[in-house]
Amino acid sequence: MYDLHVHSVLSDGELLPAEIARRYAVKGFRAVAITDHADSSNLEWILSSLLQAVEELEAHGIRVLAGIELTHLPPASIPELAARAKSLGAELVLVHGESIAEPVAQGTNRAAVECEHVDVLAHPGLITEEEAELAAENGILLELSLRRGHCLCNGHVAALAREAGAKLIAGSDAHSPEDIPLPEQMLRAVMGAGLSRSESEMVVNVNPEALLK
Protein backbone atom coordinates (compact mmCIF):
# COMPACT_ATOMS: atom_id res chain seq x y z
CA MET A 1 0.00 0.00 0.00
CA TYR A 2 1.14 3.54 -0.78
CA ASP A 3 0.24 6.99 0.52
CA LEU A 4 1.64 9.67 -1.77
CA HIS A 5 0.12 12.76 -0.14
CA VAL A 6 1.31 13.54 3.40
CA HIS A 7 2.30 16.77 5.18
CA SER A 8 5.00 17.32 7.79
CA VAL A 9 6.15 20.19 10.00
CA LEU A 10 7.89 21.57 6.92
CA SER A 11 4.49 23.10 6.07
CA ASP A 12 1.30 22.71 8.11
CA GLY A 13 1.60 19.13 9.36
CA GLU A 14 2.20 18.07 12.96
CA LEU A 15 4.88 15.40 12.51
CA LEU A 16 8.56 15.41 11.67
CA PRO A 17 9.48 13.52 8.50
CA ALA A 18 11.09 10.83 10.70
CA GLU A 19 7.86 10.36 12.63
CA ILE A 20 5.93 10.03 9.38
CA ALA A 21 8.30 7.38 8.07
CA ARG A 22 8.16 5.40 11.29
CA ARG A 23 4.37 5.51 11.65
CA TYR A 24 3.77 4.46 8.03
CA ALA A 25 6.32 1.66 8.28
CA VAL A 26 4.64 0.28 11.39
CA LYS A 27 1.25 0.36 9.66
CA GLY A 28 2.59 -1.75 6.81
CA PHE A 29 2.87 0.75 3.96
CA ARG A 30 5.46 0.14 1.24
CA ALA A 31 6.08 3.81 0.49
CA VAL A 32 5.06 7.28 1.62
CA ALA A 33 5.56 10.62 -0.09
CA ILE A 34 6.04 13.74 1.99
CA THR A 35 4.45 16.46 -0.12
CA ASP A 36 4.40 19.68 1.82
CA HIS A 37 2.56 22.78 0.66
CA ALA A 38 4.77 25.07 -1.39
CA ASP A 39 4.93 28.16 -3.54
CA SER A 40 7.98 30.07 -4.73
CA SER A 41 8.74 31.28 -1.19
CA ASN A 42 9.53 27.88 0.33
CA LEU A 43 9.89 25.37 -2.51
CA GLU A 44 13.68 25.10 -2.43
CA TRP A 45 13.88 24.94 1.38
CA ILE A 46 11.34 22.13 1.66
CA LEU A 47 12.94 19.98 -1.01
CA SER A 48 16.49 20.47 0.22
CA SER A 49 15.38 19.60 3.76
CA LEU A 50 13.66 16.40 2.62
CA LEU A 51 16.33 15.27 0.20
CA GLN A 52 19.11 15.47 2.76
CA ALA A 53 17.07 13.31 5.17
CA VAL A 54 15.79 10.59 2.81
CA GLU A 55 18.50 8.04 3.59
CA GLU A 56 17.92 8.44 7.31
CA LEU A 57 14.15 8.18 6.87
CA GLU A 58 14.37 4.99 4.81
CA ALA A 59 16.31 3.32 7.64
CA HIS A 60 12.83 2.73 9.10
CA GLY A 61 12.30 0.14 6.36
CA ILE A 62 9.99 2.11 4.07
CA ARG A 63 10.53 3.98 0.83
CA VAL A 64 10.20 7.73 1.40
CA LEU A 65 9.77 10.13 -1.49
CA ALA A 66 10.63 13.80 -1.38
CA GLY A 67 7.65 15.48 -3.01
CA ILE A 68 5.84 18.77 -3.06
CA GLU A 69 2.27 20.02 -3.30
CA LEU A 70 2.07 23.28 -5.24
CA THR A 71 -0.68 25.08 -3.39
CA HIS A 72 -2.95 28.06 -4.18
CA LEU A 73 -0.77 29.29 -7.01
CA PRO A 74 -2.01 31.51 -9.79
CA PRO A 75 -2.65 28.92 -12.53
CA ALA A 76 -0.17 30.58 -14.89
CA SER A 77 2.62 29.95 -12.35
CA ILE A 78 2.10 26.19 -12.17
CA PRO A 79 4.22 25.10 -15.18
CA GLU A 80 7.26 27.10 -14.10
CA LEU A 81 7.18 26.00 -10.46
CA ALA A 82 6.48 22.37 -11.35
CA ALA A 83 9.50 22.35 -13.64
CA ARG A 84 11.58 24.04 -10.95
CA ALA A 85 10.50 21.46 -8.38
CA LYS A 86 11.63 18.62 -10.63
CA SER A 87 14.94 20.37 -11.30
CA LEU A 88 15.48 20.63 -7.54
CA GLY A 89 15.01 16.89 -7.15
CA ALA A 90 11.32 16.47 -6.36
CA GLU A 91 10.36 12.84 -6.96
CA LEU A 92 6.67 13.66 -7.03
CA VAL A 93 4.87 16.90 -7.89
CA LEU A 94 1.27 17.33 -6.79
CA VAL A 95 -0.93 20.31 -7.53
CA HIS A 96 -3.53 21.35 -4.97
CA GLY A 97 -6.65 20.99 -7.09
CA GLU A 98 -9.93 22.87 -7.08
CA SER A 99 -11.38 21.31 -3.95
CA ILE A 100 -14.81 22.69 -3.08
CA ALA A 101 -13.57 23.02 0.52
CA GLU A 102 -11.10 25.83 -0.27
CA PRO A 103 -10.98 28.95 -2.48
CA VAL A 104 -8.63 27.52 -5.11
CA ALA A 105 -8.23 29.69 -8.19
CA GLN A 106 -10.37 28.67 -11.14
CA GLY A 107 -8.18 27.26 -13.89
CA THR A 108 -5.88 25.40 -11.48
CA ASN A 109 -7.12 21.98 -12.57
CA ARG A 110 -6.68 22.83 -16.25
CA ALA A 111 -3.17 24.18 -15.74
CA ALA A 112 -2.18 21.07 -13.79
CA VAL A 113 -3.44 18.48 -16.28
CA GLU A 114 -1.71 20.32 -19.13
CA CYS A 115 1.67 20.43 -17.35
CA GLU A 116 4.28 17.81 -18.23
CA HIS A 117 6.03 18.13 -14.86
CA VAL A 118 2.93 17.41 -12.73
CA ASP A 119 2.38 13.84 -11.54
CA VAL A 120 -0.85 14.08 -9.54
CA LEU A 121 -3.77 16.49 -9.41
CA ALA A 122 -4.84 16.31 -5.79
CA HIS A 123 -8.51 16.48 -4.76
CA PRO A 124 -9.69 18.07 -8.04
CA GLY A 125 -13.22 18.75 -6.86
CA LEU A 126 -15.77 19.20 -9.62
CA ILE A 127 -13.30 18.43 -12.37
CA THR A 128 -14.72 18.71 -15.89
CA GLU A 129 -14.93 15.96 -18.47
CA GLU A 130 -12.42 17.78 -20.67
CA GLU A 131 -9.95 18.11 -17.79
CA ALA A 132 -10.27 14.41 -16.99
CA GLU A 133 -9.61 13.59 -20.64
CA LEU A 134 -6.49 15.79 -20.61
CA ALA A 135 -5.29 14.04 -17.46
CA ALA A 136 -5.68 10.70 -19.22
CA GLU A 137 -3.92 11.95 -22.35
CA ASN A 138 -0.99 13.42 -20.40
CA GLY A 139 -0.60 10.60 -17.88
CA ILE A 140 -1.49 12.71 -14.84
CA LEU A 141 -3.18 10.83 -12.02
CA LEU A 142 -6.32 12.16 -10.33
CA GLU A 143 -6.53 11.81 -6.57
CA LEU A 144 -9.29 10.37 -4.45
CA SER A 145 -8.78 12.09 -1.11
CA LEU A 146 -9.34 10.75 2.38
CA ARG A 147 -9.30 14.24 3.89
CA ARG A 148 -12.45 15.81 5.27
CA GLY A 149 -13.90 18.34 2.85
CA HIS A 150 -11.64 17.34 0.00
CA CYS A 151 -13.28 13.90 -0.14
CA LEU A 152 -16.75 15.28 -0.90
CA CYS A 153 -16.26 15.04 -4.66
CA ASN A 154 -14.58 11.62 -4.74
CA GLY A 155 -17.58 9.97 -6.40
CA HIS A 156 -17.64 12.62 -9.14
CA VAL A 157 -13.88 12.32 -9.71
CA ALA A 158 -14.03 8.52 -9.86
CA ALA A 159 -16.93 8.53 -12.33
CA LEU A 160 -15.30 11.02 -14.72
CA ALA A 161 -11.94 9.28 -14.49
CA ARG A 162 -13.58 5.98 -15.42
CA GLU A 163 -15.30 7.58 -18.43
CA ALA A 164 -12.16 9.38 -19.60
CA GLY A 165 -9.74 6.53 -18.95
CA ALA A 166 -7.76 8.61 -16.47
CA LYS A 167 -5.83 6.79 -13.78
CA LEU A 168 -6.68 7.36 -10.13
CA ILE A 169 -4.60 7.40 -6.99
CA ALA A 170 -5.54 7.62 -3.31
CA GLY A 171 -4.02 10.05 -0.82
CA SER A 172 -4.72 10.59 2.85
CA ASP A 173 -3.58 14.23 2.82
CA ALA A 174 -2.53 13.47 6.39
CA HIS A 175 -1.54 16.38 8.60
CA SER A 176 -1.60 14.67 12.01
CA PRO A 177 -1.13 11.18 13.52
CA GLU A 178 -4.91 10.71 13.58
CA ASP A 179 -5.07 11.20 9.80
CA ILE A 180 -2.80 8.26 9.00
CA PRO A 181 -5.00 5.39 7.82
CA LEU A 182 -4.53 1.68 8.00
CA PRO A 183 -4.10 0.12 4.54
CA GLU A 184 -7.55 -1.46 4.68
CA GLN A 185 -9.09 1.89 5.62
CA MET A 186 -7.56 3.48 2.54
CA LEU A 187 -8.90 0.70 0.35
CA ARG A 188 -12.40 1.00 1.81
CA ALA A 189 -12.39 4.78 1.37
CA VAL A 190 -11.68 4.32 -2.34
CA MET A 191 -14.46 1.75 -2.61
CA GLY A 192 -16.74 4.37 -1.05
CA ALA A 193 -16.24 6.48 -4.17
CA GLY A 194 -18.17 3.87 -6.14
CA LEU A 195 -15.35 1.65 -7.35
CA SER A 196 -15.30 -2.12 -7.13
CA ARG A 197 -12.79 -3.82 -4.86
CA SER A 198 -10.64 -4.81 -7.83
CA GLU A 199 -10.74 -1.25 -9.20
CA SER A 200 -9.89 0.08 -5.75
CA GLU A 201 -6.91 -2.23 -5.43
CA MET A 202 -5.63 -0.80 -8.72
CA VAL A 203 -5.94 2.69 -7.25
CA VAL A 204 -4.15 2.00 -3.98
CA ASN A 205 -1.51 -0.47 -5.19
CA VAL A 206 -1.00 -0.81 -8.93
CA ASN A 207 -1.26 2.83 -10.06
CA PRO A 208 1.10 4.28 -7.43
CA GLU A 209 3.60 1.46 -8.00
CA ALA A 210 3.60 2.21 -11.74
CA LEU A 211 4.02 5.94 -11.05
CA LEU A 212 7.07 5.34 -8.88
CA LYS A 213 8.93 3.11 -11.35
C-alpha atoms as a PDB file:
ATOM      1  CA  MET A   1       0.000   0.000   0.000  1.00  0.00           C
ATOM      2  CA  TYR A   2       1.142   3.540  -0.784  1.00  0.00           C
ATOM      3  CA  ASP A   3       0.244   6.994   0.522  1.00  0.00           C
ATOM      4  CA  LEU A   4       1.635   9.673  -1.765  1.00  0.00           C
ATOM      5  CA  HIS A   5       0.121  12.761  -0.136  1.00  0.00           C
ATOM      6  CA  VAL A   6       1.307  13.543   3.404  1.00  0.00           C
ATOM      7  CA  HIS A   7       2.301  16.774   5.180  1.00  0.00           C
ATOM      8  CA  SER A   8       4.998  17.324   7.793  1.00  0.00           C
ATOM      9  CA  VAL A   9       6.154  20.190  10.003  1.00  0.00           C
ATOM     10  CA  LEU A  10       7.886  21.575   6.923  1.00  0.00           C
ATOM     11  CA  SER A  11       4.493  23.095   6.074  1.00  0.00           C
ATOM     12  CA  ASP A  12       1.295  22.707   8.110  1.00  0.00           C
ATOM     13  CA  GLY A  13       1.602  19.130   9.362  1.00  0.00           C
ATOM     14  CA  GLU A  14       2.205  18.074  12.957  1.00  0.00           C
ATOM     15  CA  LEU A  15       4.881  15.398  12.507  1.00  0.00           C
ATOM     16  CA  LEU A  16       8.559  15.408  11.674  1.00  0.00           C
ATOM     17  CA  PRO A  17       9.477  13.516   8.500  1.00  0.00           C
ATOM     18  CA  ALA A  18      11.095  10.826  10.695  1.00  0.00           C
ATOM     19  CA  GLU A  19       7.856  10.360  12.629  1.00  0.00           C
ATOM     20  CA  ILE A  20       5.930  10.028   9.377  1.00  0.00           C
ATOM     21  CA  ALA A  21       8.301   7.380   8.066  1.00  0.00           C
ATOM     22  CA  ARG A  22       8.159   5.399  11.293  1.00  0.00           C
ATOM     23  CA  ARG A  23       4.370   5.512  11.645  1.00  0.00           C
ATOM     24  CA  TYR A  24       3.770   4.460   8.030  1.00  0.00           C
ATOM     25  CA  ALA A  25       6.324   1.663   8.277  1.00  0.00           C
ATOM     26  CA  VAL A  26       4.636   0.284  11.387  1.00  0.00           C
ATOM     27  CA  LYS A  27       1.251   0.357   9.662  1.00  0.00           C
ATOM     28  CA  GLY A  28       2.588  -1.749   6.813  1.00  0.00           C
ATOM     29  CA  PHE A  29       2.867   0.753   3.963  1.00  0.00           C
ATOM     30  CA  ARG A  30       5.455   0.142   1.243  1.00  0.00           C
ATOM     31  CA  ALA A  31       6.079   3.815   0.494  1.00  0.00           C
ATOM     32  CA  VAL A  32       5.060   7.276   1.624  1.00  0.00           C
ATOM     33  CA  ALA A  33       5.561  10.623  -0.094  1.00  0.00           C
ATOM     34  CA  ILE A  34       6.043  13.743   1.985  1.00  0.00           C
ATOM     35  CA  THR A  35       4.446  16.456  -0.119  1.00  0.00           C
ATOM     36  CA  ASP A  36       4.402  19.679   1.821  1.00  0.00           C
ATOM     37  CA  HIS A  37       2.560  22.783   0.662  1.00  0.00           C
ATOM     38  CA  ALA A  38       4.766  25.067  -1.391  1.00  0.00           C
ATOM     39  CA  ASP A  39       4.932  28.155  -3.535  1.00  0.00           C
ATOM     40  CA  SER A  40       7.976  30.073  -4.727  1.00  0.00           C
ATOM     41  CA  SER A  41       8.739  31.277  -1.191  1.00  0.00           C
ATOM     42  CA  ASN A  42       9.535  27.878   0.328  1.00  0.00           C
ATOM     43  CA  LEU A  43       9.895  25.370  -2.515  1.00  0.00           C
ATOM     44  CA  GLU A  44      13.681  25.105  -2.434  1.00  0.00           C
ATOM     45  CA  TRP A  45      13.879  24.944   1.376  1.00  0.00           C
ATOM     46  CA  ILE A  46      11.338  22.129   1.659  1.00  0.00           C
ATOM     47  CA  LEU A  47      12.943  19.982  -1.013  1.00  0.00           C
ATOM     48  CA  SER A  48      16.493  20.470   0.223  1.00  0.00           C
ATOM     49  CA  SER A  49      15.376  19.597   3.760  1.00  0.00           C
ATOM     50  CA  LEU A  50      13.661  16.402   2.624  1.00  0.00           C
ATOM     51  CA  LEU A  51      16.332  15.265   0.197  1.00  0.00           C
ATOM     52  CA  GLN A  52      19.107  15.472   2.763  1.00  0.00           C
ATOM     53  CA  ALA A  53      17.066  13.315   5.167  1.00  0.00           C
ATOM     54  CA  VAL A  54      15.788  10.589   2.812  1.00  0.00           C
ATOM     55  CA  GLU A  55      18.501   8.043   3.588  1.00  0.00           C
ATOM     56  CA  GLU A  56      17.916   8.443   7.315  1.00  0.00           C
ATOM     57  CA  LEU A  57      14.147   8.178   6.867  1.00  0.00           C
ATOM     58  CA  GLU A  58      14.374   4.991   4.814  1.00  0.00           C
ATOM     59  CA  ALA A  59      16.306   3.325   7.637  1.00  0.00           C
ATOM     60  CA  HIS A  60      12.831   2.734   9.100  1.00  0.00           C
ATOM     61  CA  GLY A  61      12.298   0.141   6.355  1.00  0.00           C
ATOM     62  CA  ILE A  62       9.987   2.114   4.073  1.00  0.00           C
ATOM     63  CA  ARG A  63      10.534   3.978   0.833  1.00  0.00           C
ATOM     64  CA  VAL A  64      10.203   7.731   1.405  1.00  0.00           C
ATOM     65  CA  LEU A  65       9.769  10.135  -1.489  1.00  0.00           C
ATOM     66  CA  ALA A  66      10.627  13.804  -1.384  1.00  0.00           C
ATOM     67  CA  GLY A  67       7.651  15.476  -3.011  1.00  0.00           C
ATOM     68  CA  ILE A  68       5.841  18.772  -3.061  1.00  0.00           C
ATOM     69  CA  GLU A  69       2.272  20.020  -3.304  1.00  0.00           C
ATOM     70  CA  LEU A  70       2.070  23.276  -5.242  1.00  0.00           C
ATOM     71  CA  THR A  71      -0.684  25.081  -3.392  1.00  0.00           C
ATOM     72  CA  HIS A  72      -2.955  28.061  -4.177  1.00  0.00           C
ATOM     73  CA  LEU A  73      -0.767  29.286  -7.008  1.00  0.00           C
ATOM     74  CA  PRO A  74      -2.013  31.515  -9.793  1.00  0.00           C
ATOM     75  CA  PRO A  75      -2.647  28.923 -12.531  1.00  0.00           C
ATOM     76  CA  ALA A  76      -0.173  30.577 -14.887  1.00  0.00           C
ATOM     77  CA  SER A  77       2.618  29.952 -12.349  1.00  0.00           C
ATOM     78  CA  ILE A  78       2.103  26.189 -12.170  1.00  0.00           C
ATOM     79  CA  PRO A  79       4.223  25.104 -15.181  1.00  0.00           C
ATOM     80  CA  GLU A  80       7.260  27.105 -14.105  1.00  0.00           C
ATOM     81  CA  LEU A  81       7.176  25.998 -10.460  1.00  0.00           C
ATOM     82  CA  ALA A  82       6.477  22.369 -11.351  1.00  0.00           C
ATOM     83  CA  ALA A  83       9.501  22.348 -13.639  1.00  0.00           C
ATOM     84  CA  ARG A  84      11.575  24.045 -10.945  1.00  0.00           C
ATOM     85  CA  ALA A  85      10.499  21.461  -8.380  1.00  0.00           C
ATOM     86  CA  LYS A  86      11.626  18.622 -10.627  1.00  0.00           C
ATOM     87  CA  SER A  87      14.943  20.366 -11.303  1.00  0.00           C
ATOM     88  CA  LEU A  88      15.485  20.628  -7.543  1.00  0.00           C
ATOM     89  CA  GLY A  89      15.008  16.889  -7.146  1.00  0.00           C
ATOM     90  CA  ALA A  90      11.316  16.474  -6.365  1.00  0.00           C
ATOM     91  CA  GLU A  91      10.363  12.840  -6.956  1.00  0.00           C
ATOM     92  CA  LEU A  92       6.673  13.658  -7.025  1.00  0.00           C
ATOM     93  CA  VAL A  93       4.870  16.898  -7.895  1.00  0.00           C
ATOM     94  CA  LEU A  94       1.274  17.328  -6.787  1.00  0.00           C
ATOM     95  CA  VAL A  95      -0.927  20.309  -7.531  1.00  0.00           C
ATOM     96  CA  HIS A  96      -3.526  21.346  -4.969  1.00  0.00           C
ATOM     97  CA  GLY A  97      -6.652  20.994  -7.087  1.00  0.00           C
ATOM     98  CA  GLU A  98      -9.933  22.871  -7.079  1.00  0.00           C
ATOM     99  CA  SER A  99     -11.385  21.308  -3.948  1.00  0.00           C
ATOM    100  CA  ILE A 100     -14.810  22.688  -3.084  1.00  0.00           C
ATOM    101  CA  ALA A 101     -13.569  23.017   0.517  1.00  0.00           C
ATOM    102  CA  GLU A 102     -11.102  25.826  -0.272  1.00  0.00           C
ATOM    103  CA  PRO A 103     -10.981  28.950  -2.476  1.00  0.00           C
ATOM    104  CA  VAL A 104      -8.634  27.516  -5.111  1.00  0.00           C
ATOM    105  CA  ALA A 105      -8.233  29.691  -8.192  1.00  0.00           C
ATOM    106  CA  GLN A 106     -10.374  28.667 -11.139  1.00  0.00           C
ATOM    107  CA  GLY A 107      -8.178  27.263 -13.887  1.00  0.00           C
ATOM    108  CA  THR A 108      -5.876  25.401 -11.477  1.00  0.00           C
ATOM    109  CA  ASN A 109      -7.117  21.977 -12.575  1.00  0.00           C
ATOM    110  CA  ARG A 110      -6.679  22.834 -16.245  1.00  0.00           C
ATOM    111  CA  ALA A 111      -3.170  24.179 -15.737  1.00  0.00           C
ATOM    112  CA  ALA A 112      -2.180  21.067 -13.788  1.00  0.00           C
ATOM    113  CA  VAL A 113      -3.437  18.481 -16.283  1.00  0.00           C
ATOM    114  CA  GLU A 114      -1.710  20.320 -19.129  1.00  0.00           C
ATOM    115  CA  CYS A 115       1.672  20.429 -17.349  1.00  0.00           C
ATOM    116  CA  GLU A 116       4.281  17.810 -18.229  1.00  0.00           C
ATOM    117  CA  HIS A 117       6.026  18.133 -14.864  1.00  0.00           C
ATOM    118  CA  VAL A 118       2.934  17.413 -12.735  1.00  0.00           C
ATOM    119  CA  ASP A 119       2.383  13.844 -11.541  1.00  0.00           C
ATOM    120  CA  VAL A 120      -0.849  14.079  -9.543  1.00  0.00           C
ATOM    121  CA  LEU A 121      -3.774  16.493  -9.414  1.00  0.00           C
ATOM    122  CA  ALA A 122      -4.844  16.313  -5.785  1.00  0.00           C
ATOM    123  CA  HIS A 123      -8.513  16.481  -4.761  1.00  0.00           C
ATOM    124  CA  PRO A 124      -9.685  18.070  -8.041  1.00  0.00           C
ATOM    125  CA  GLY A 125     -13.224  18.750  -6.857  1.00  0.00           C
ATOM    126  CA  LEU A 126     -15.773  19.199  -9.622  1.00  0.00           C
ATOM    127  CA  ILE A 127     -13.297  18.430 -12.372  1.00  0.00           C
ATOM    128  CA  THR A 128     -14.721  18.706 -15.889  1.00  0.00           C
ATOM    129  CA  GLU A 129     -14.929  15.957 -18.473  1.00  0.00           C
ATOM    130  CA  GLU A 130     -12.418  17.782 -20.674  1.00  0.00           C
ATOM    131  CA  GLU A 131      -9.946  18.111 -17.794  1.00  0.00           C
ATOM    132  CA  ALA A 132     -10.272  14.413 -16.987  1.00  0.00           C
ATOM    133  CA  GLU A 133      -9.606  13.588 -20.641  1.00  0.00           C
ATOM    134  CA  LEU A 134      -6.492  15.792 -20.611  1.00  0.00           C
ATOM    135  CA  ALA A 135      -5.293  14.040 -17.462  1.00  0.00           C
ATOM    136  CA  ALA A 136      -5.680  10.696 -19.222  1.00  0.00           C
ATOM    137  CA  GLU A 137      -3.917  11.955 -22.348  1.00  0.00           C
ATOM    138  CA  ASN A 138      -0.993  13.424 -20.398  1.00  0.00           C
ATOM    139  CA  GLY A 139      -0.604  10.605 -17.885  1.00  0.00           C
ATOM    140  CA  ILE A 140      -1.487  12.709 -14.842  1.00  0.00           C
ATOM    141  CA  LEU A 141      -3.182  10.831 -12.024  1.00  0.00           C
ATOM    142  CA  LEU A 142      -6.315  12.160 -10.334  1.00  0.00           C
ATOM    143  CA  GLU A 143      -6.529  11.812  -6.573  1.00  0.00           C
ATOM    144  CA  LEU A 144      -9.289  10.370  -4.448  1.00  0.00           C
ATOM    145  CA  SER A 145      -8.782  12.089  -1.110  1.00  0.00           C
ATOM    146  CA  LEU A 146      -9.343  10.747   2.381  1.00  0.00           C
ATOM    147  CA  ARG A 147      -9.299  14.241   3.887  1.00  0.00           C
ATOM    148  CA  ARG A 148     -12.448  15.806   5.272  1.00  0.00           C
ATOM    149  CA  GLY A 149     -13.905  18.341   2.852  1.00  0.00           C
ATOM    150  CA  HIS A 150     -11.643  17.343   0.002  1.00  0.00           C
ATOM    151  CA  CYS A 151     -13.278  13.900  -0.139  1.00  0.00           C
ATOM    152  CA  LEU A 152     -16.749  15.284  -0.895  1.00  0.00           C
ATOM    153  CA  CYS A 153     -16.258  15.041  -4.660  1.00  0.00           C
ATOM    154  CA  ASN A 154     -14.582  11.617  -4.743  1.00  0.00           C
ATOM    155  CA  GLY A 155     -17.580   9.974  -6.397  1.00  0.00           C
ATOM    156  CA  HIS A 156     -17.638  12.620  -9.138  1.00  0.00           C
ATOM    157  CA  VAL A 157     -13.883  12.318  -9.707  1.00  0.00           C
ATOM    158  CA  ALA A 158     -14.031   8.518  -9.859  1.00  0.00           C
ATOM    159  CA  ALA A 159     -16.927   8.531 -12.332  1.00  0.00           C
ATOM    160  CA  LEU A 160     -15.298  11.017 -14.717  1.00  0.00           C
ATOM    161  CA  ALA A 161     -11.943   9.276 -14.492  1.00  0.00           C
ATOM    162  CA  ARG A 162     -13.579   5.982 -15.422  1.00  0.00           C
ATOM    163  CA  GLU A 163     -15.299   7.582 -18.430  1.00  0.00           C
ATOM    164  CA  ALA A 164     -12.157   9.376 -19.597  1.00  0.00           C
ATOM    165  CA  GLY A 165      -9.741   6.531 -18.947  1.00  0.00           C
ATOM    166  CA  ALA A 166      -7.756   8.613 -16.469  1.00  0.00           C
ATOM    167  CA  LYS A 167      -5.830   6.794 -13.776  1.00  0.00           C
ATOM    168  CA  LEU A 168      -6.682   7.359 -10.130  1.00  0.00           C
ATOM    169  CA  ILE A 169      -4.598   7.396  -6.990  1.00  0.00           C
ATOM    170  CA  ALA A 170      -5.540   7.623  -3.312  1.00  0.00           C
ATOM    171  CA  GLY A 171      -4.017  10.046  -0.821  1.00  0.00           C
ATOM    172  CA  SER A 172      -4.720  10.589   2.846  1.00  0.00           C
ATOM    173  CA  ASP A 173      -3.583  14.233   2.820  1.00  0.00           C
ATOM    174  CA  ALA A 174      -2.533  13.472   6.391  1.00  0.00           C
ATOM    175  CA  HIS A 175      -1.540  16.380   8.600  1.00  0.00           C
ATOM    176  CA  SER A 176      -1.601  14.667  12.009  1.00  0.00           C
ATOM    177  CA  PRO A 177      -1.134  11.183  13.521  1.00  0.00           C
ATOM    178  CA  GLU A 178      -4.907  10.712  13.581  1.00  0.00           C
ATOM    179  CA  ASP A 179      -5.067  11.202   9.803  1.00  0.00           C
ATOM    180  CA  ILE A 180      -2.796   8.256   8.998  1.00  0.00           C
ATOM    181  CA  PRO A 181      -5.001   5.390   7.819  1.00  0.00           C
ATOM    182  CA  LEU A 182      -4.529   1.679   8.000  1.00  0.00           C
ATOM    183  CA  PRO A 183      -4.099   0.120   4.544  1.00  0.00           C
ATOM    184  CA  GLU A 184      -7.548  -1.462   4.681  1.00  0.00           C
ATOM    185  CA  GLN A 185      -9.092   1.892   5.616  1.00  0.00           C
ATOM    186  CA  MET A 186      -7.561   3.484   2.542  1.00  0.00           C
ATOM    187  CA  LEU A 187      -8.900   0.698   0.352  1.00  0.00           C
ATOM    188  CA  ARG A 188     -12.400   1.001   1.812  1.00  0.00           C
ATOM    189  CA  ALA A 189     -12.392   4.782   1.368  1.00  0.00           C
ATOM    190  CA  VAL A 190     -11.680   4.320  -2.340  1.00  0.00           C
ATOM    191  CA  MET A 191     -14.460   1.754  -2.605  1.00  0.00           C
ATOM    192  CA  GLY A 192     -16.736   4.375  -1.054  1.00  0.00           C
ATOM    193  CA  ALA A 193     -16.239   6.484  -4.174  1.00  0.00           C
ATOM    194  CA  GLY A 194     -18.170   3.871  -6.137  1.00  0.00           C
ATOM    195  CA  LEU A 195     -15.354   1.652  -7.350  1.00  0.00           C
ATOM    196  CA  SER A 196     -15.304  -2.121  -7.128  1.00  0.00           C
ATOM    197  CA  ARG A 197     -12.790  -3.824  -4.859  1.00  0.00           C
ATOM    198  CA  SER A 198     -10.636  -4.810  -7.829  1.00  0.00           C
ATOM    199  CA  GLU A 199     -10.736  -1.252  -9.203  1.00  0.00           C
ATOM    200  CA  SER A 200      -9.888   0.082  -5.748  1.00  0.00           C
ATOM    201  CA  GLU A 201      -6.906  -2.233  -5.435  1.00  0.00           C
ATOM    202  CA  MET A 202      -5.627  -0.800  -8.717  1.00  0.00           C
ATOM    203  CA  VAL A 203      -5.944   2.691  -7.250  1.00  0.00           C
ATOM    204  CA  VAL A 204      -4.145   1.996  -3.983  1.00  0.00           C
ATOM    205  CA  ASN A 205      -1.511  -0.474  -5.187  1.00  0.00           C
ATOM    206  CA  VAL A 206      -0.998  -0.811  -8.933  1.00  0.00           C
ATOM    207  CA  ASN A 207      -1.261   2.827 -10.060  1.00  0.00           C
ATOM    208  CA  PRO A 208       1.102   4.275  -7.431  1.00  0.00           C
ATOM    209  CA  GLU A 209       3.603   1.464  -8.001  1.00  0.00           C
ATOM    210  CA  ALA A 210       3.598   2.209 -11.743  1.00  0.00           C
ATOM    211  CA  LEU A 211       4.020   5.938 -11.048  1.00  0.00           C
ATOM    212  CA  LEU A 212       7.074   5.337  -8.875  1.00  0.00           C
ATOM    213  CA  LYS A 213       8.928   3.110 -11.348  1.00  0.00           C
END
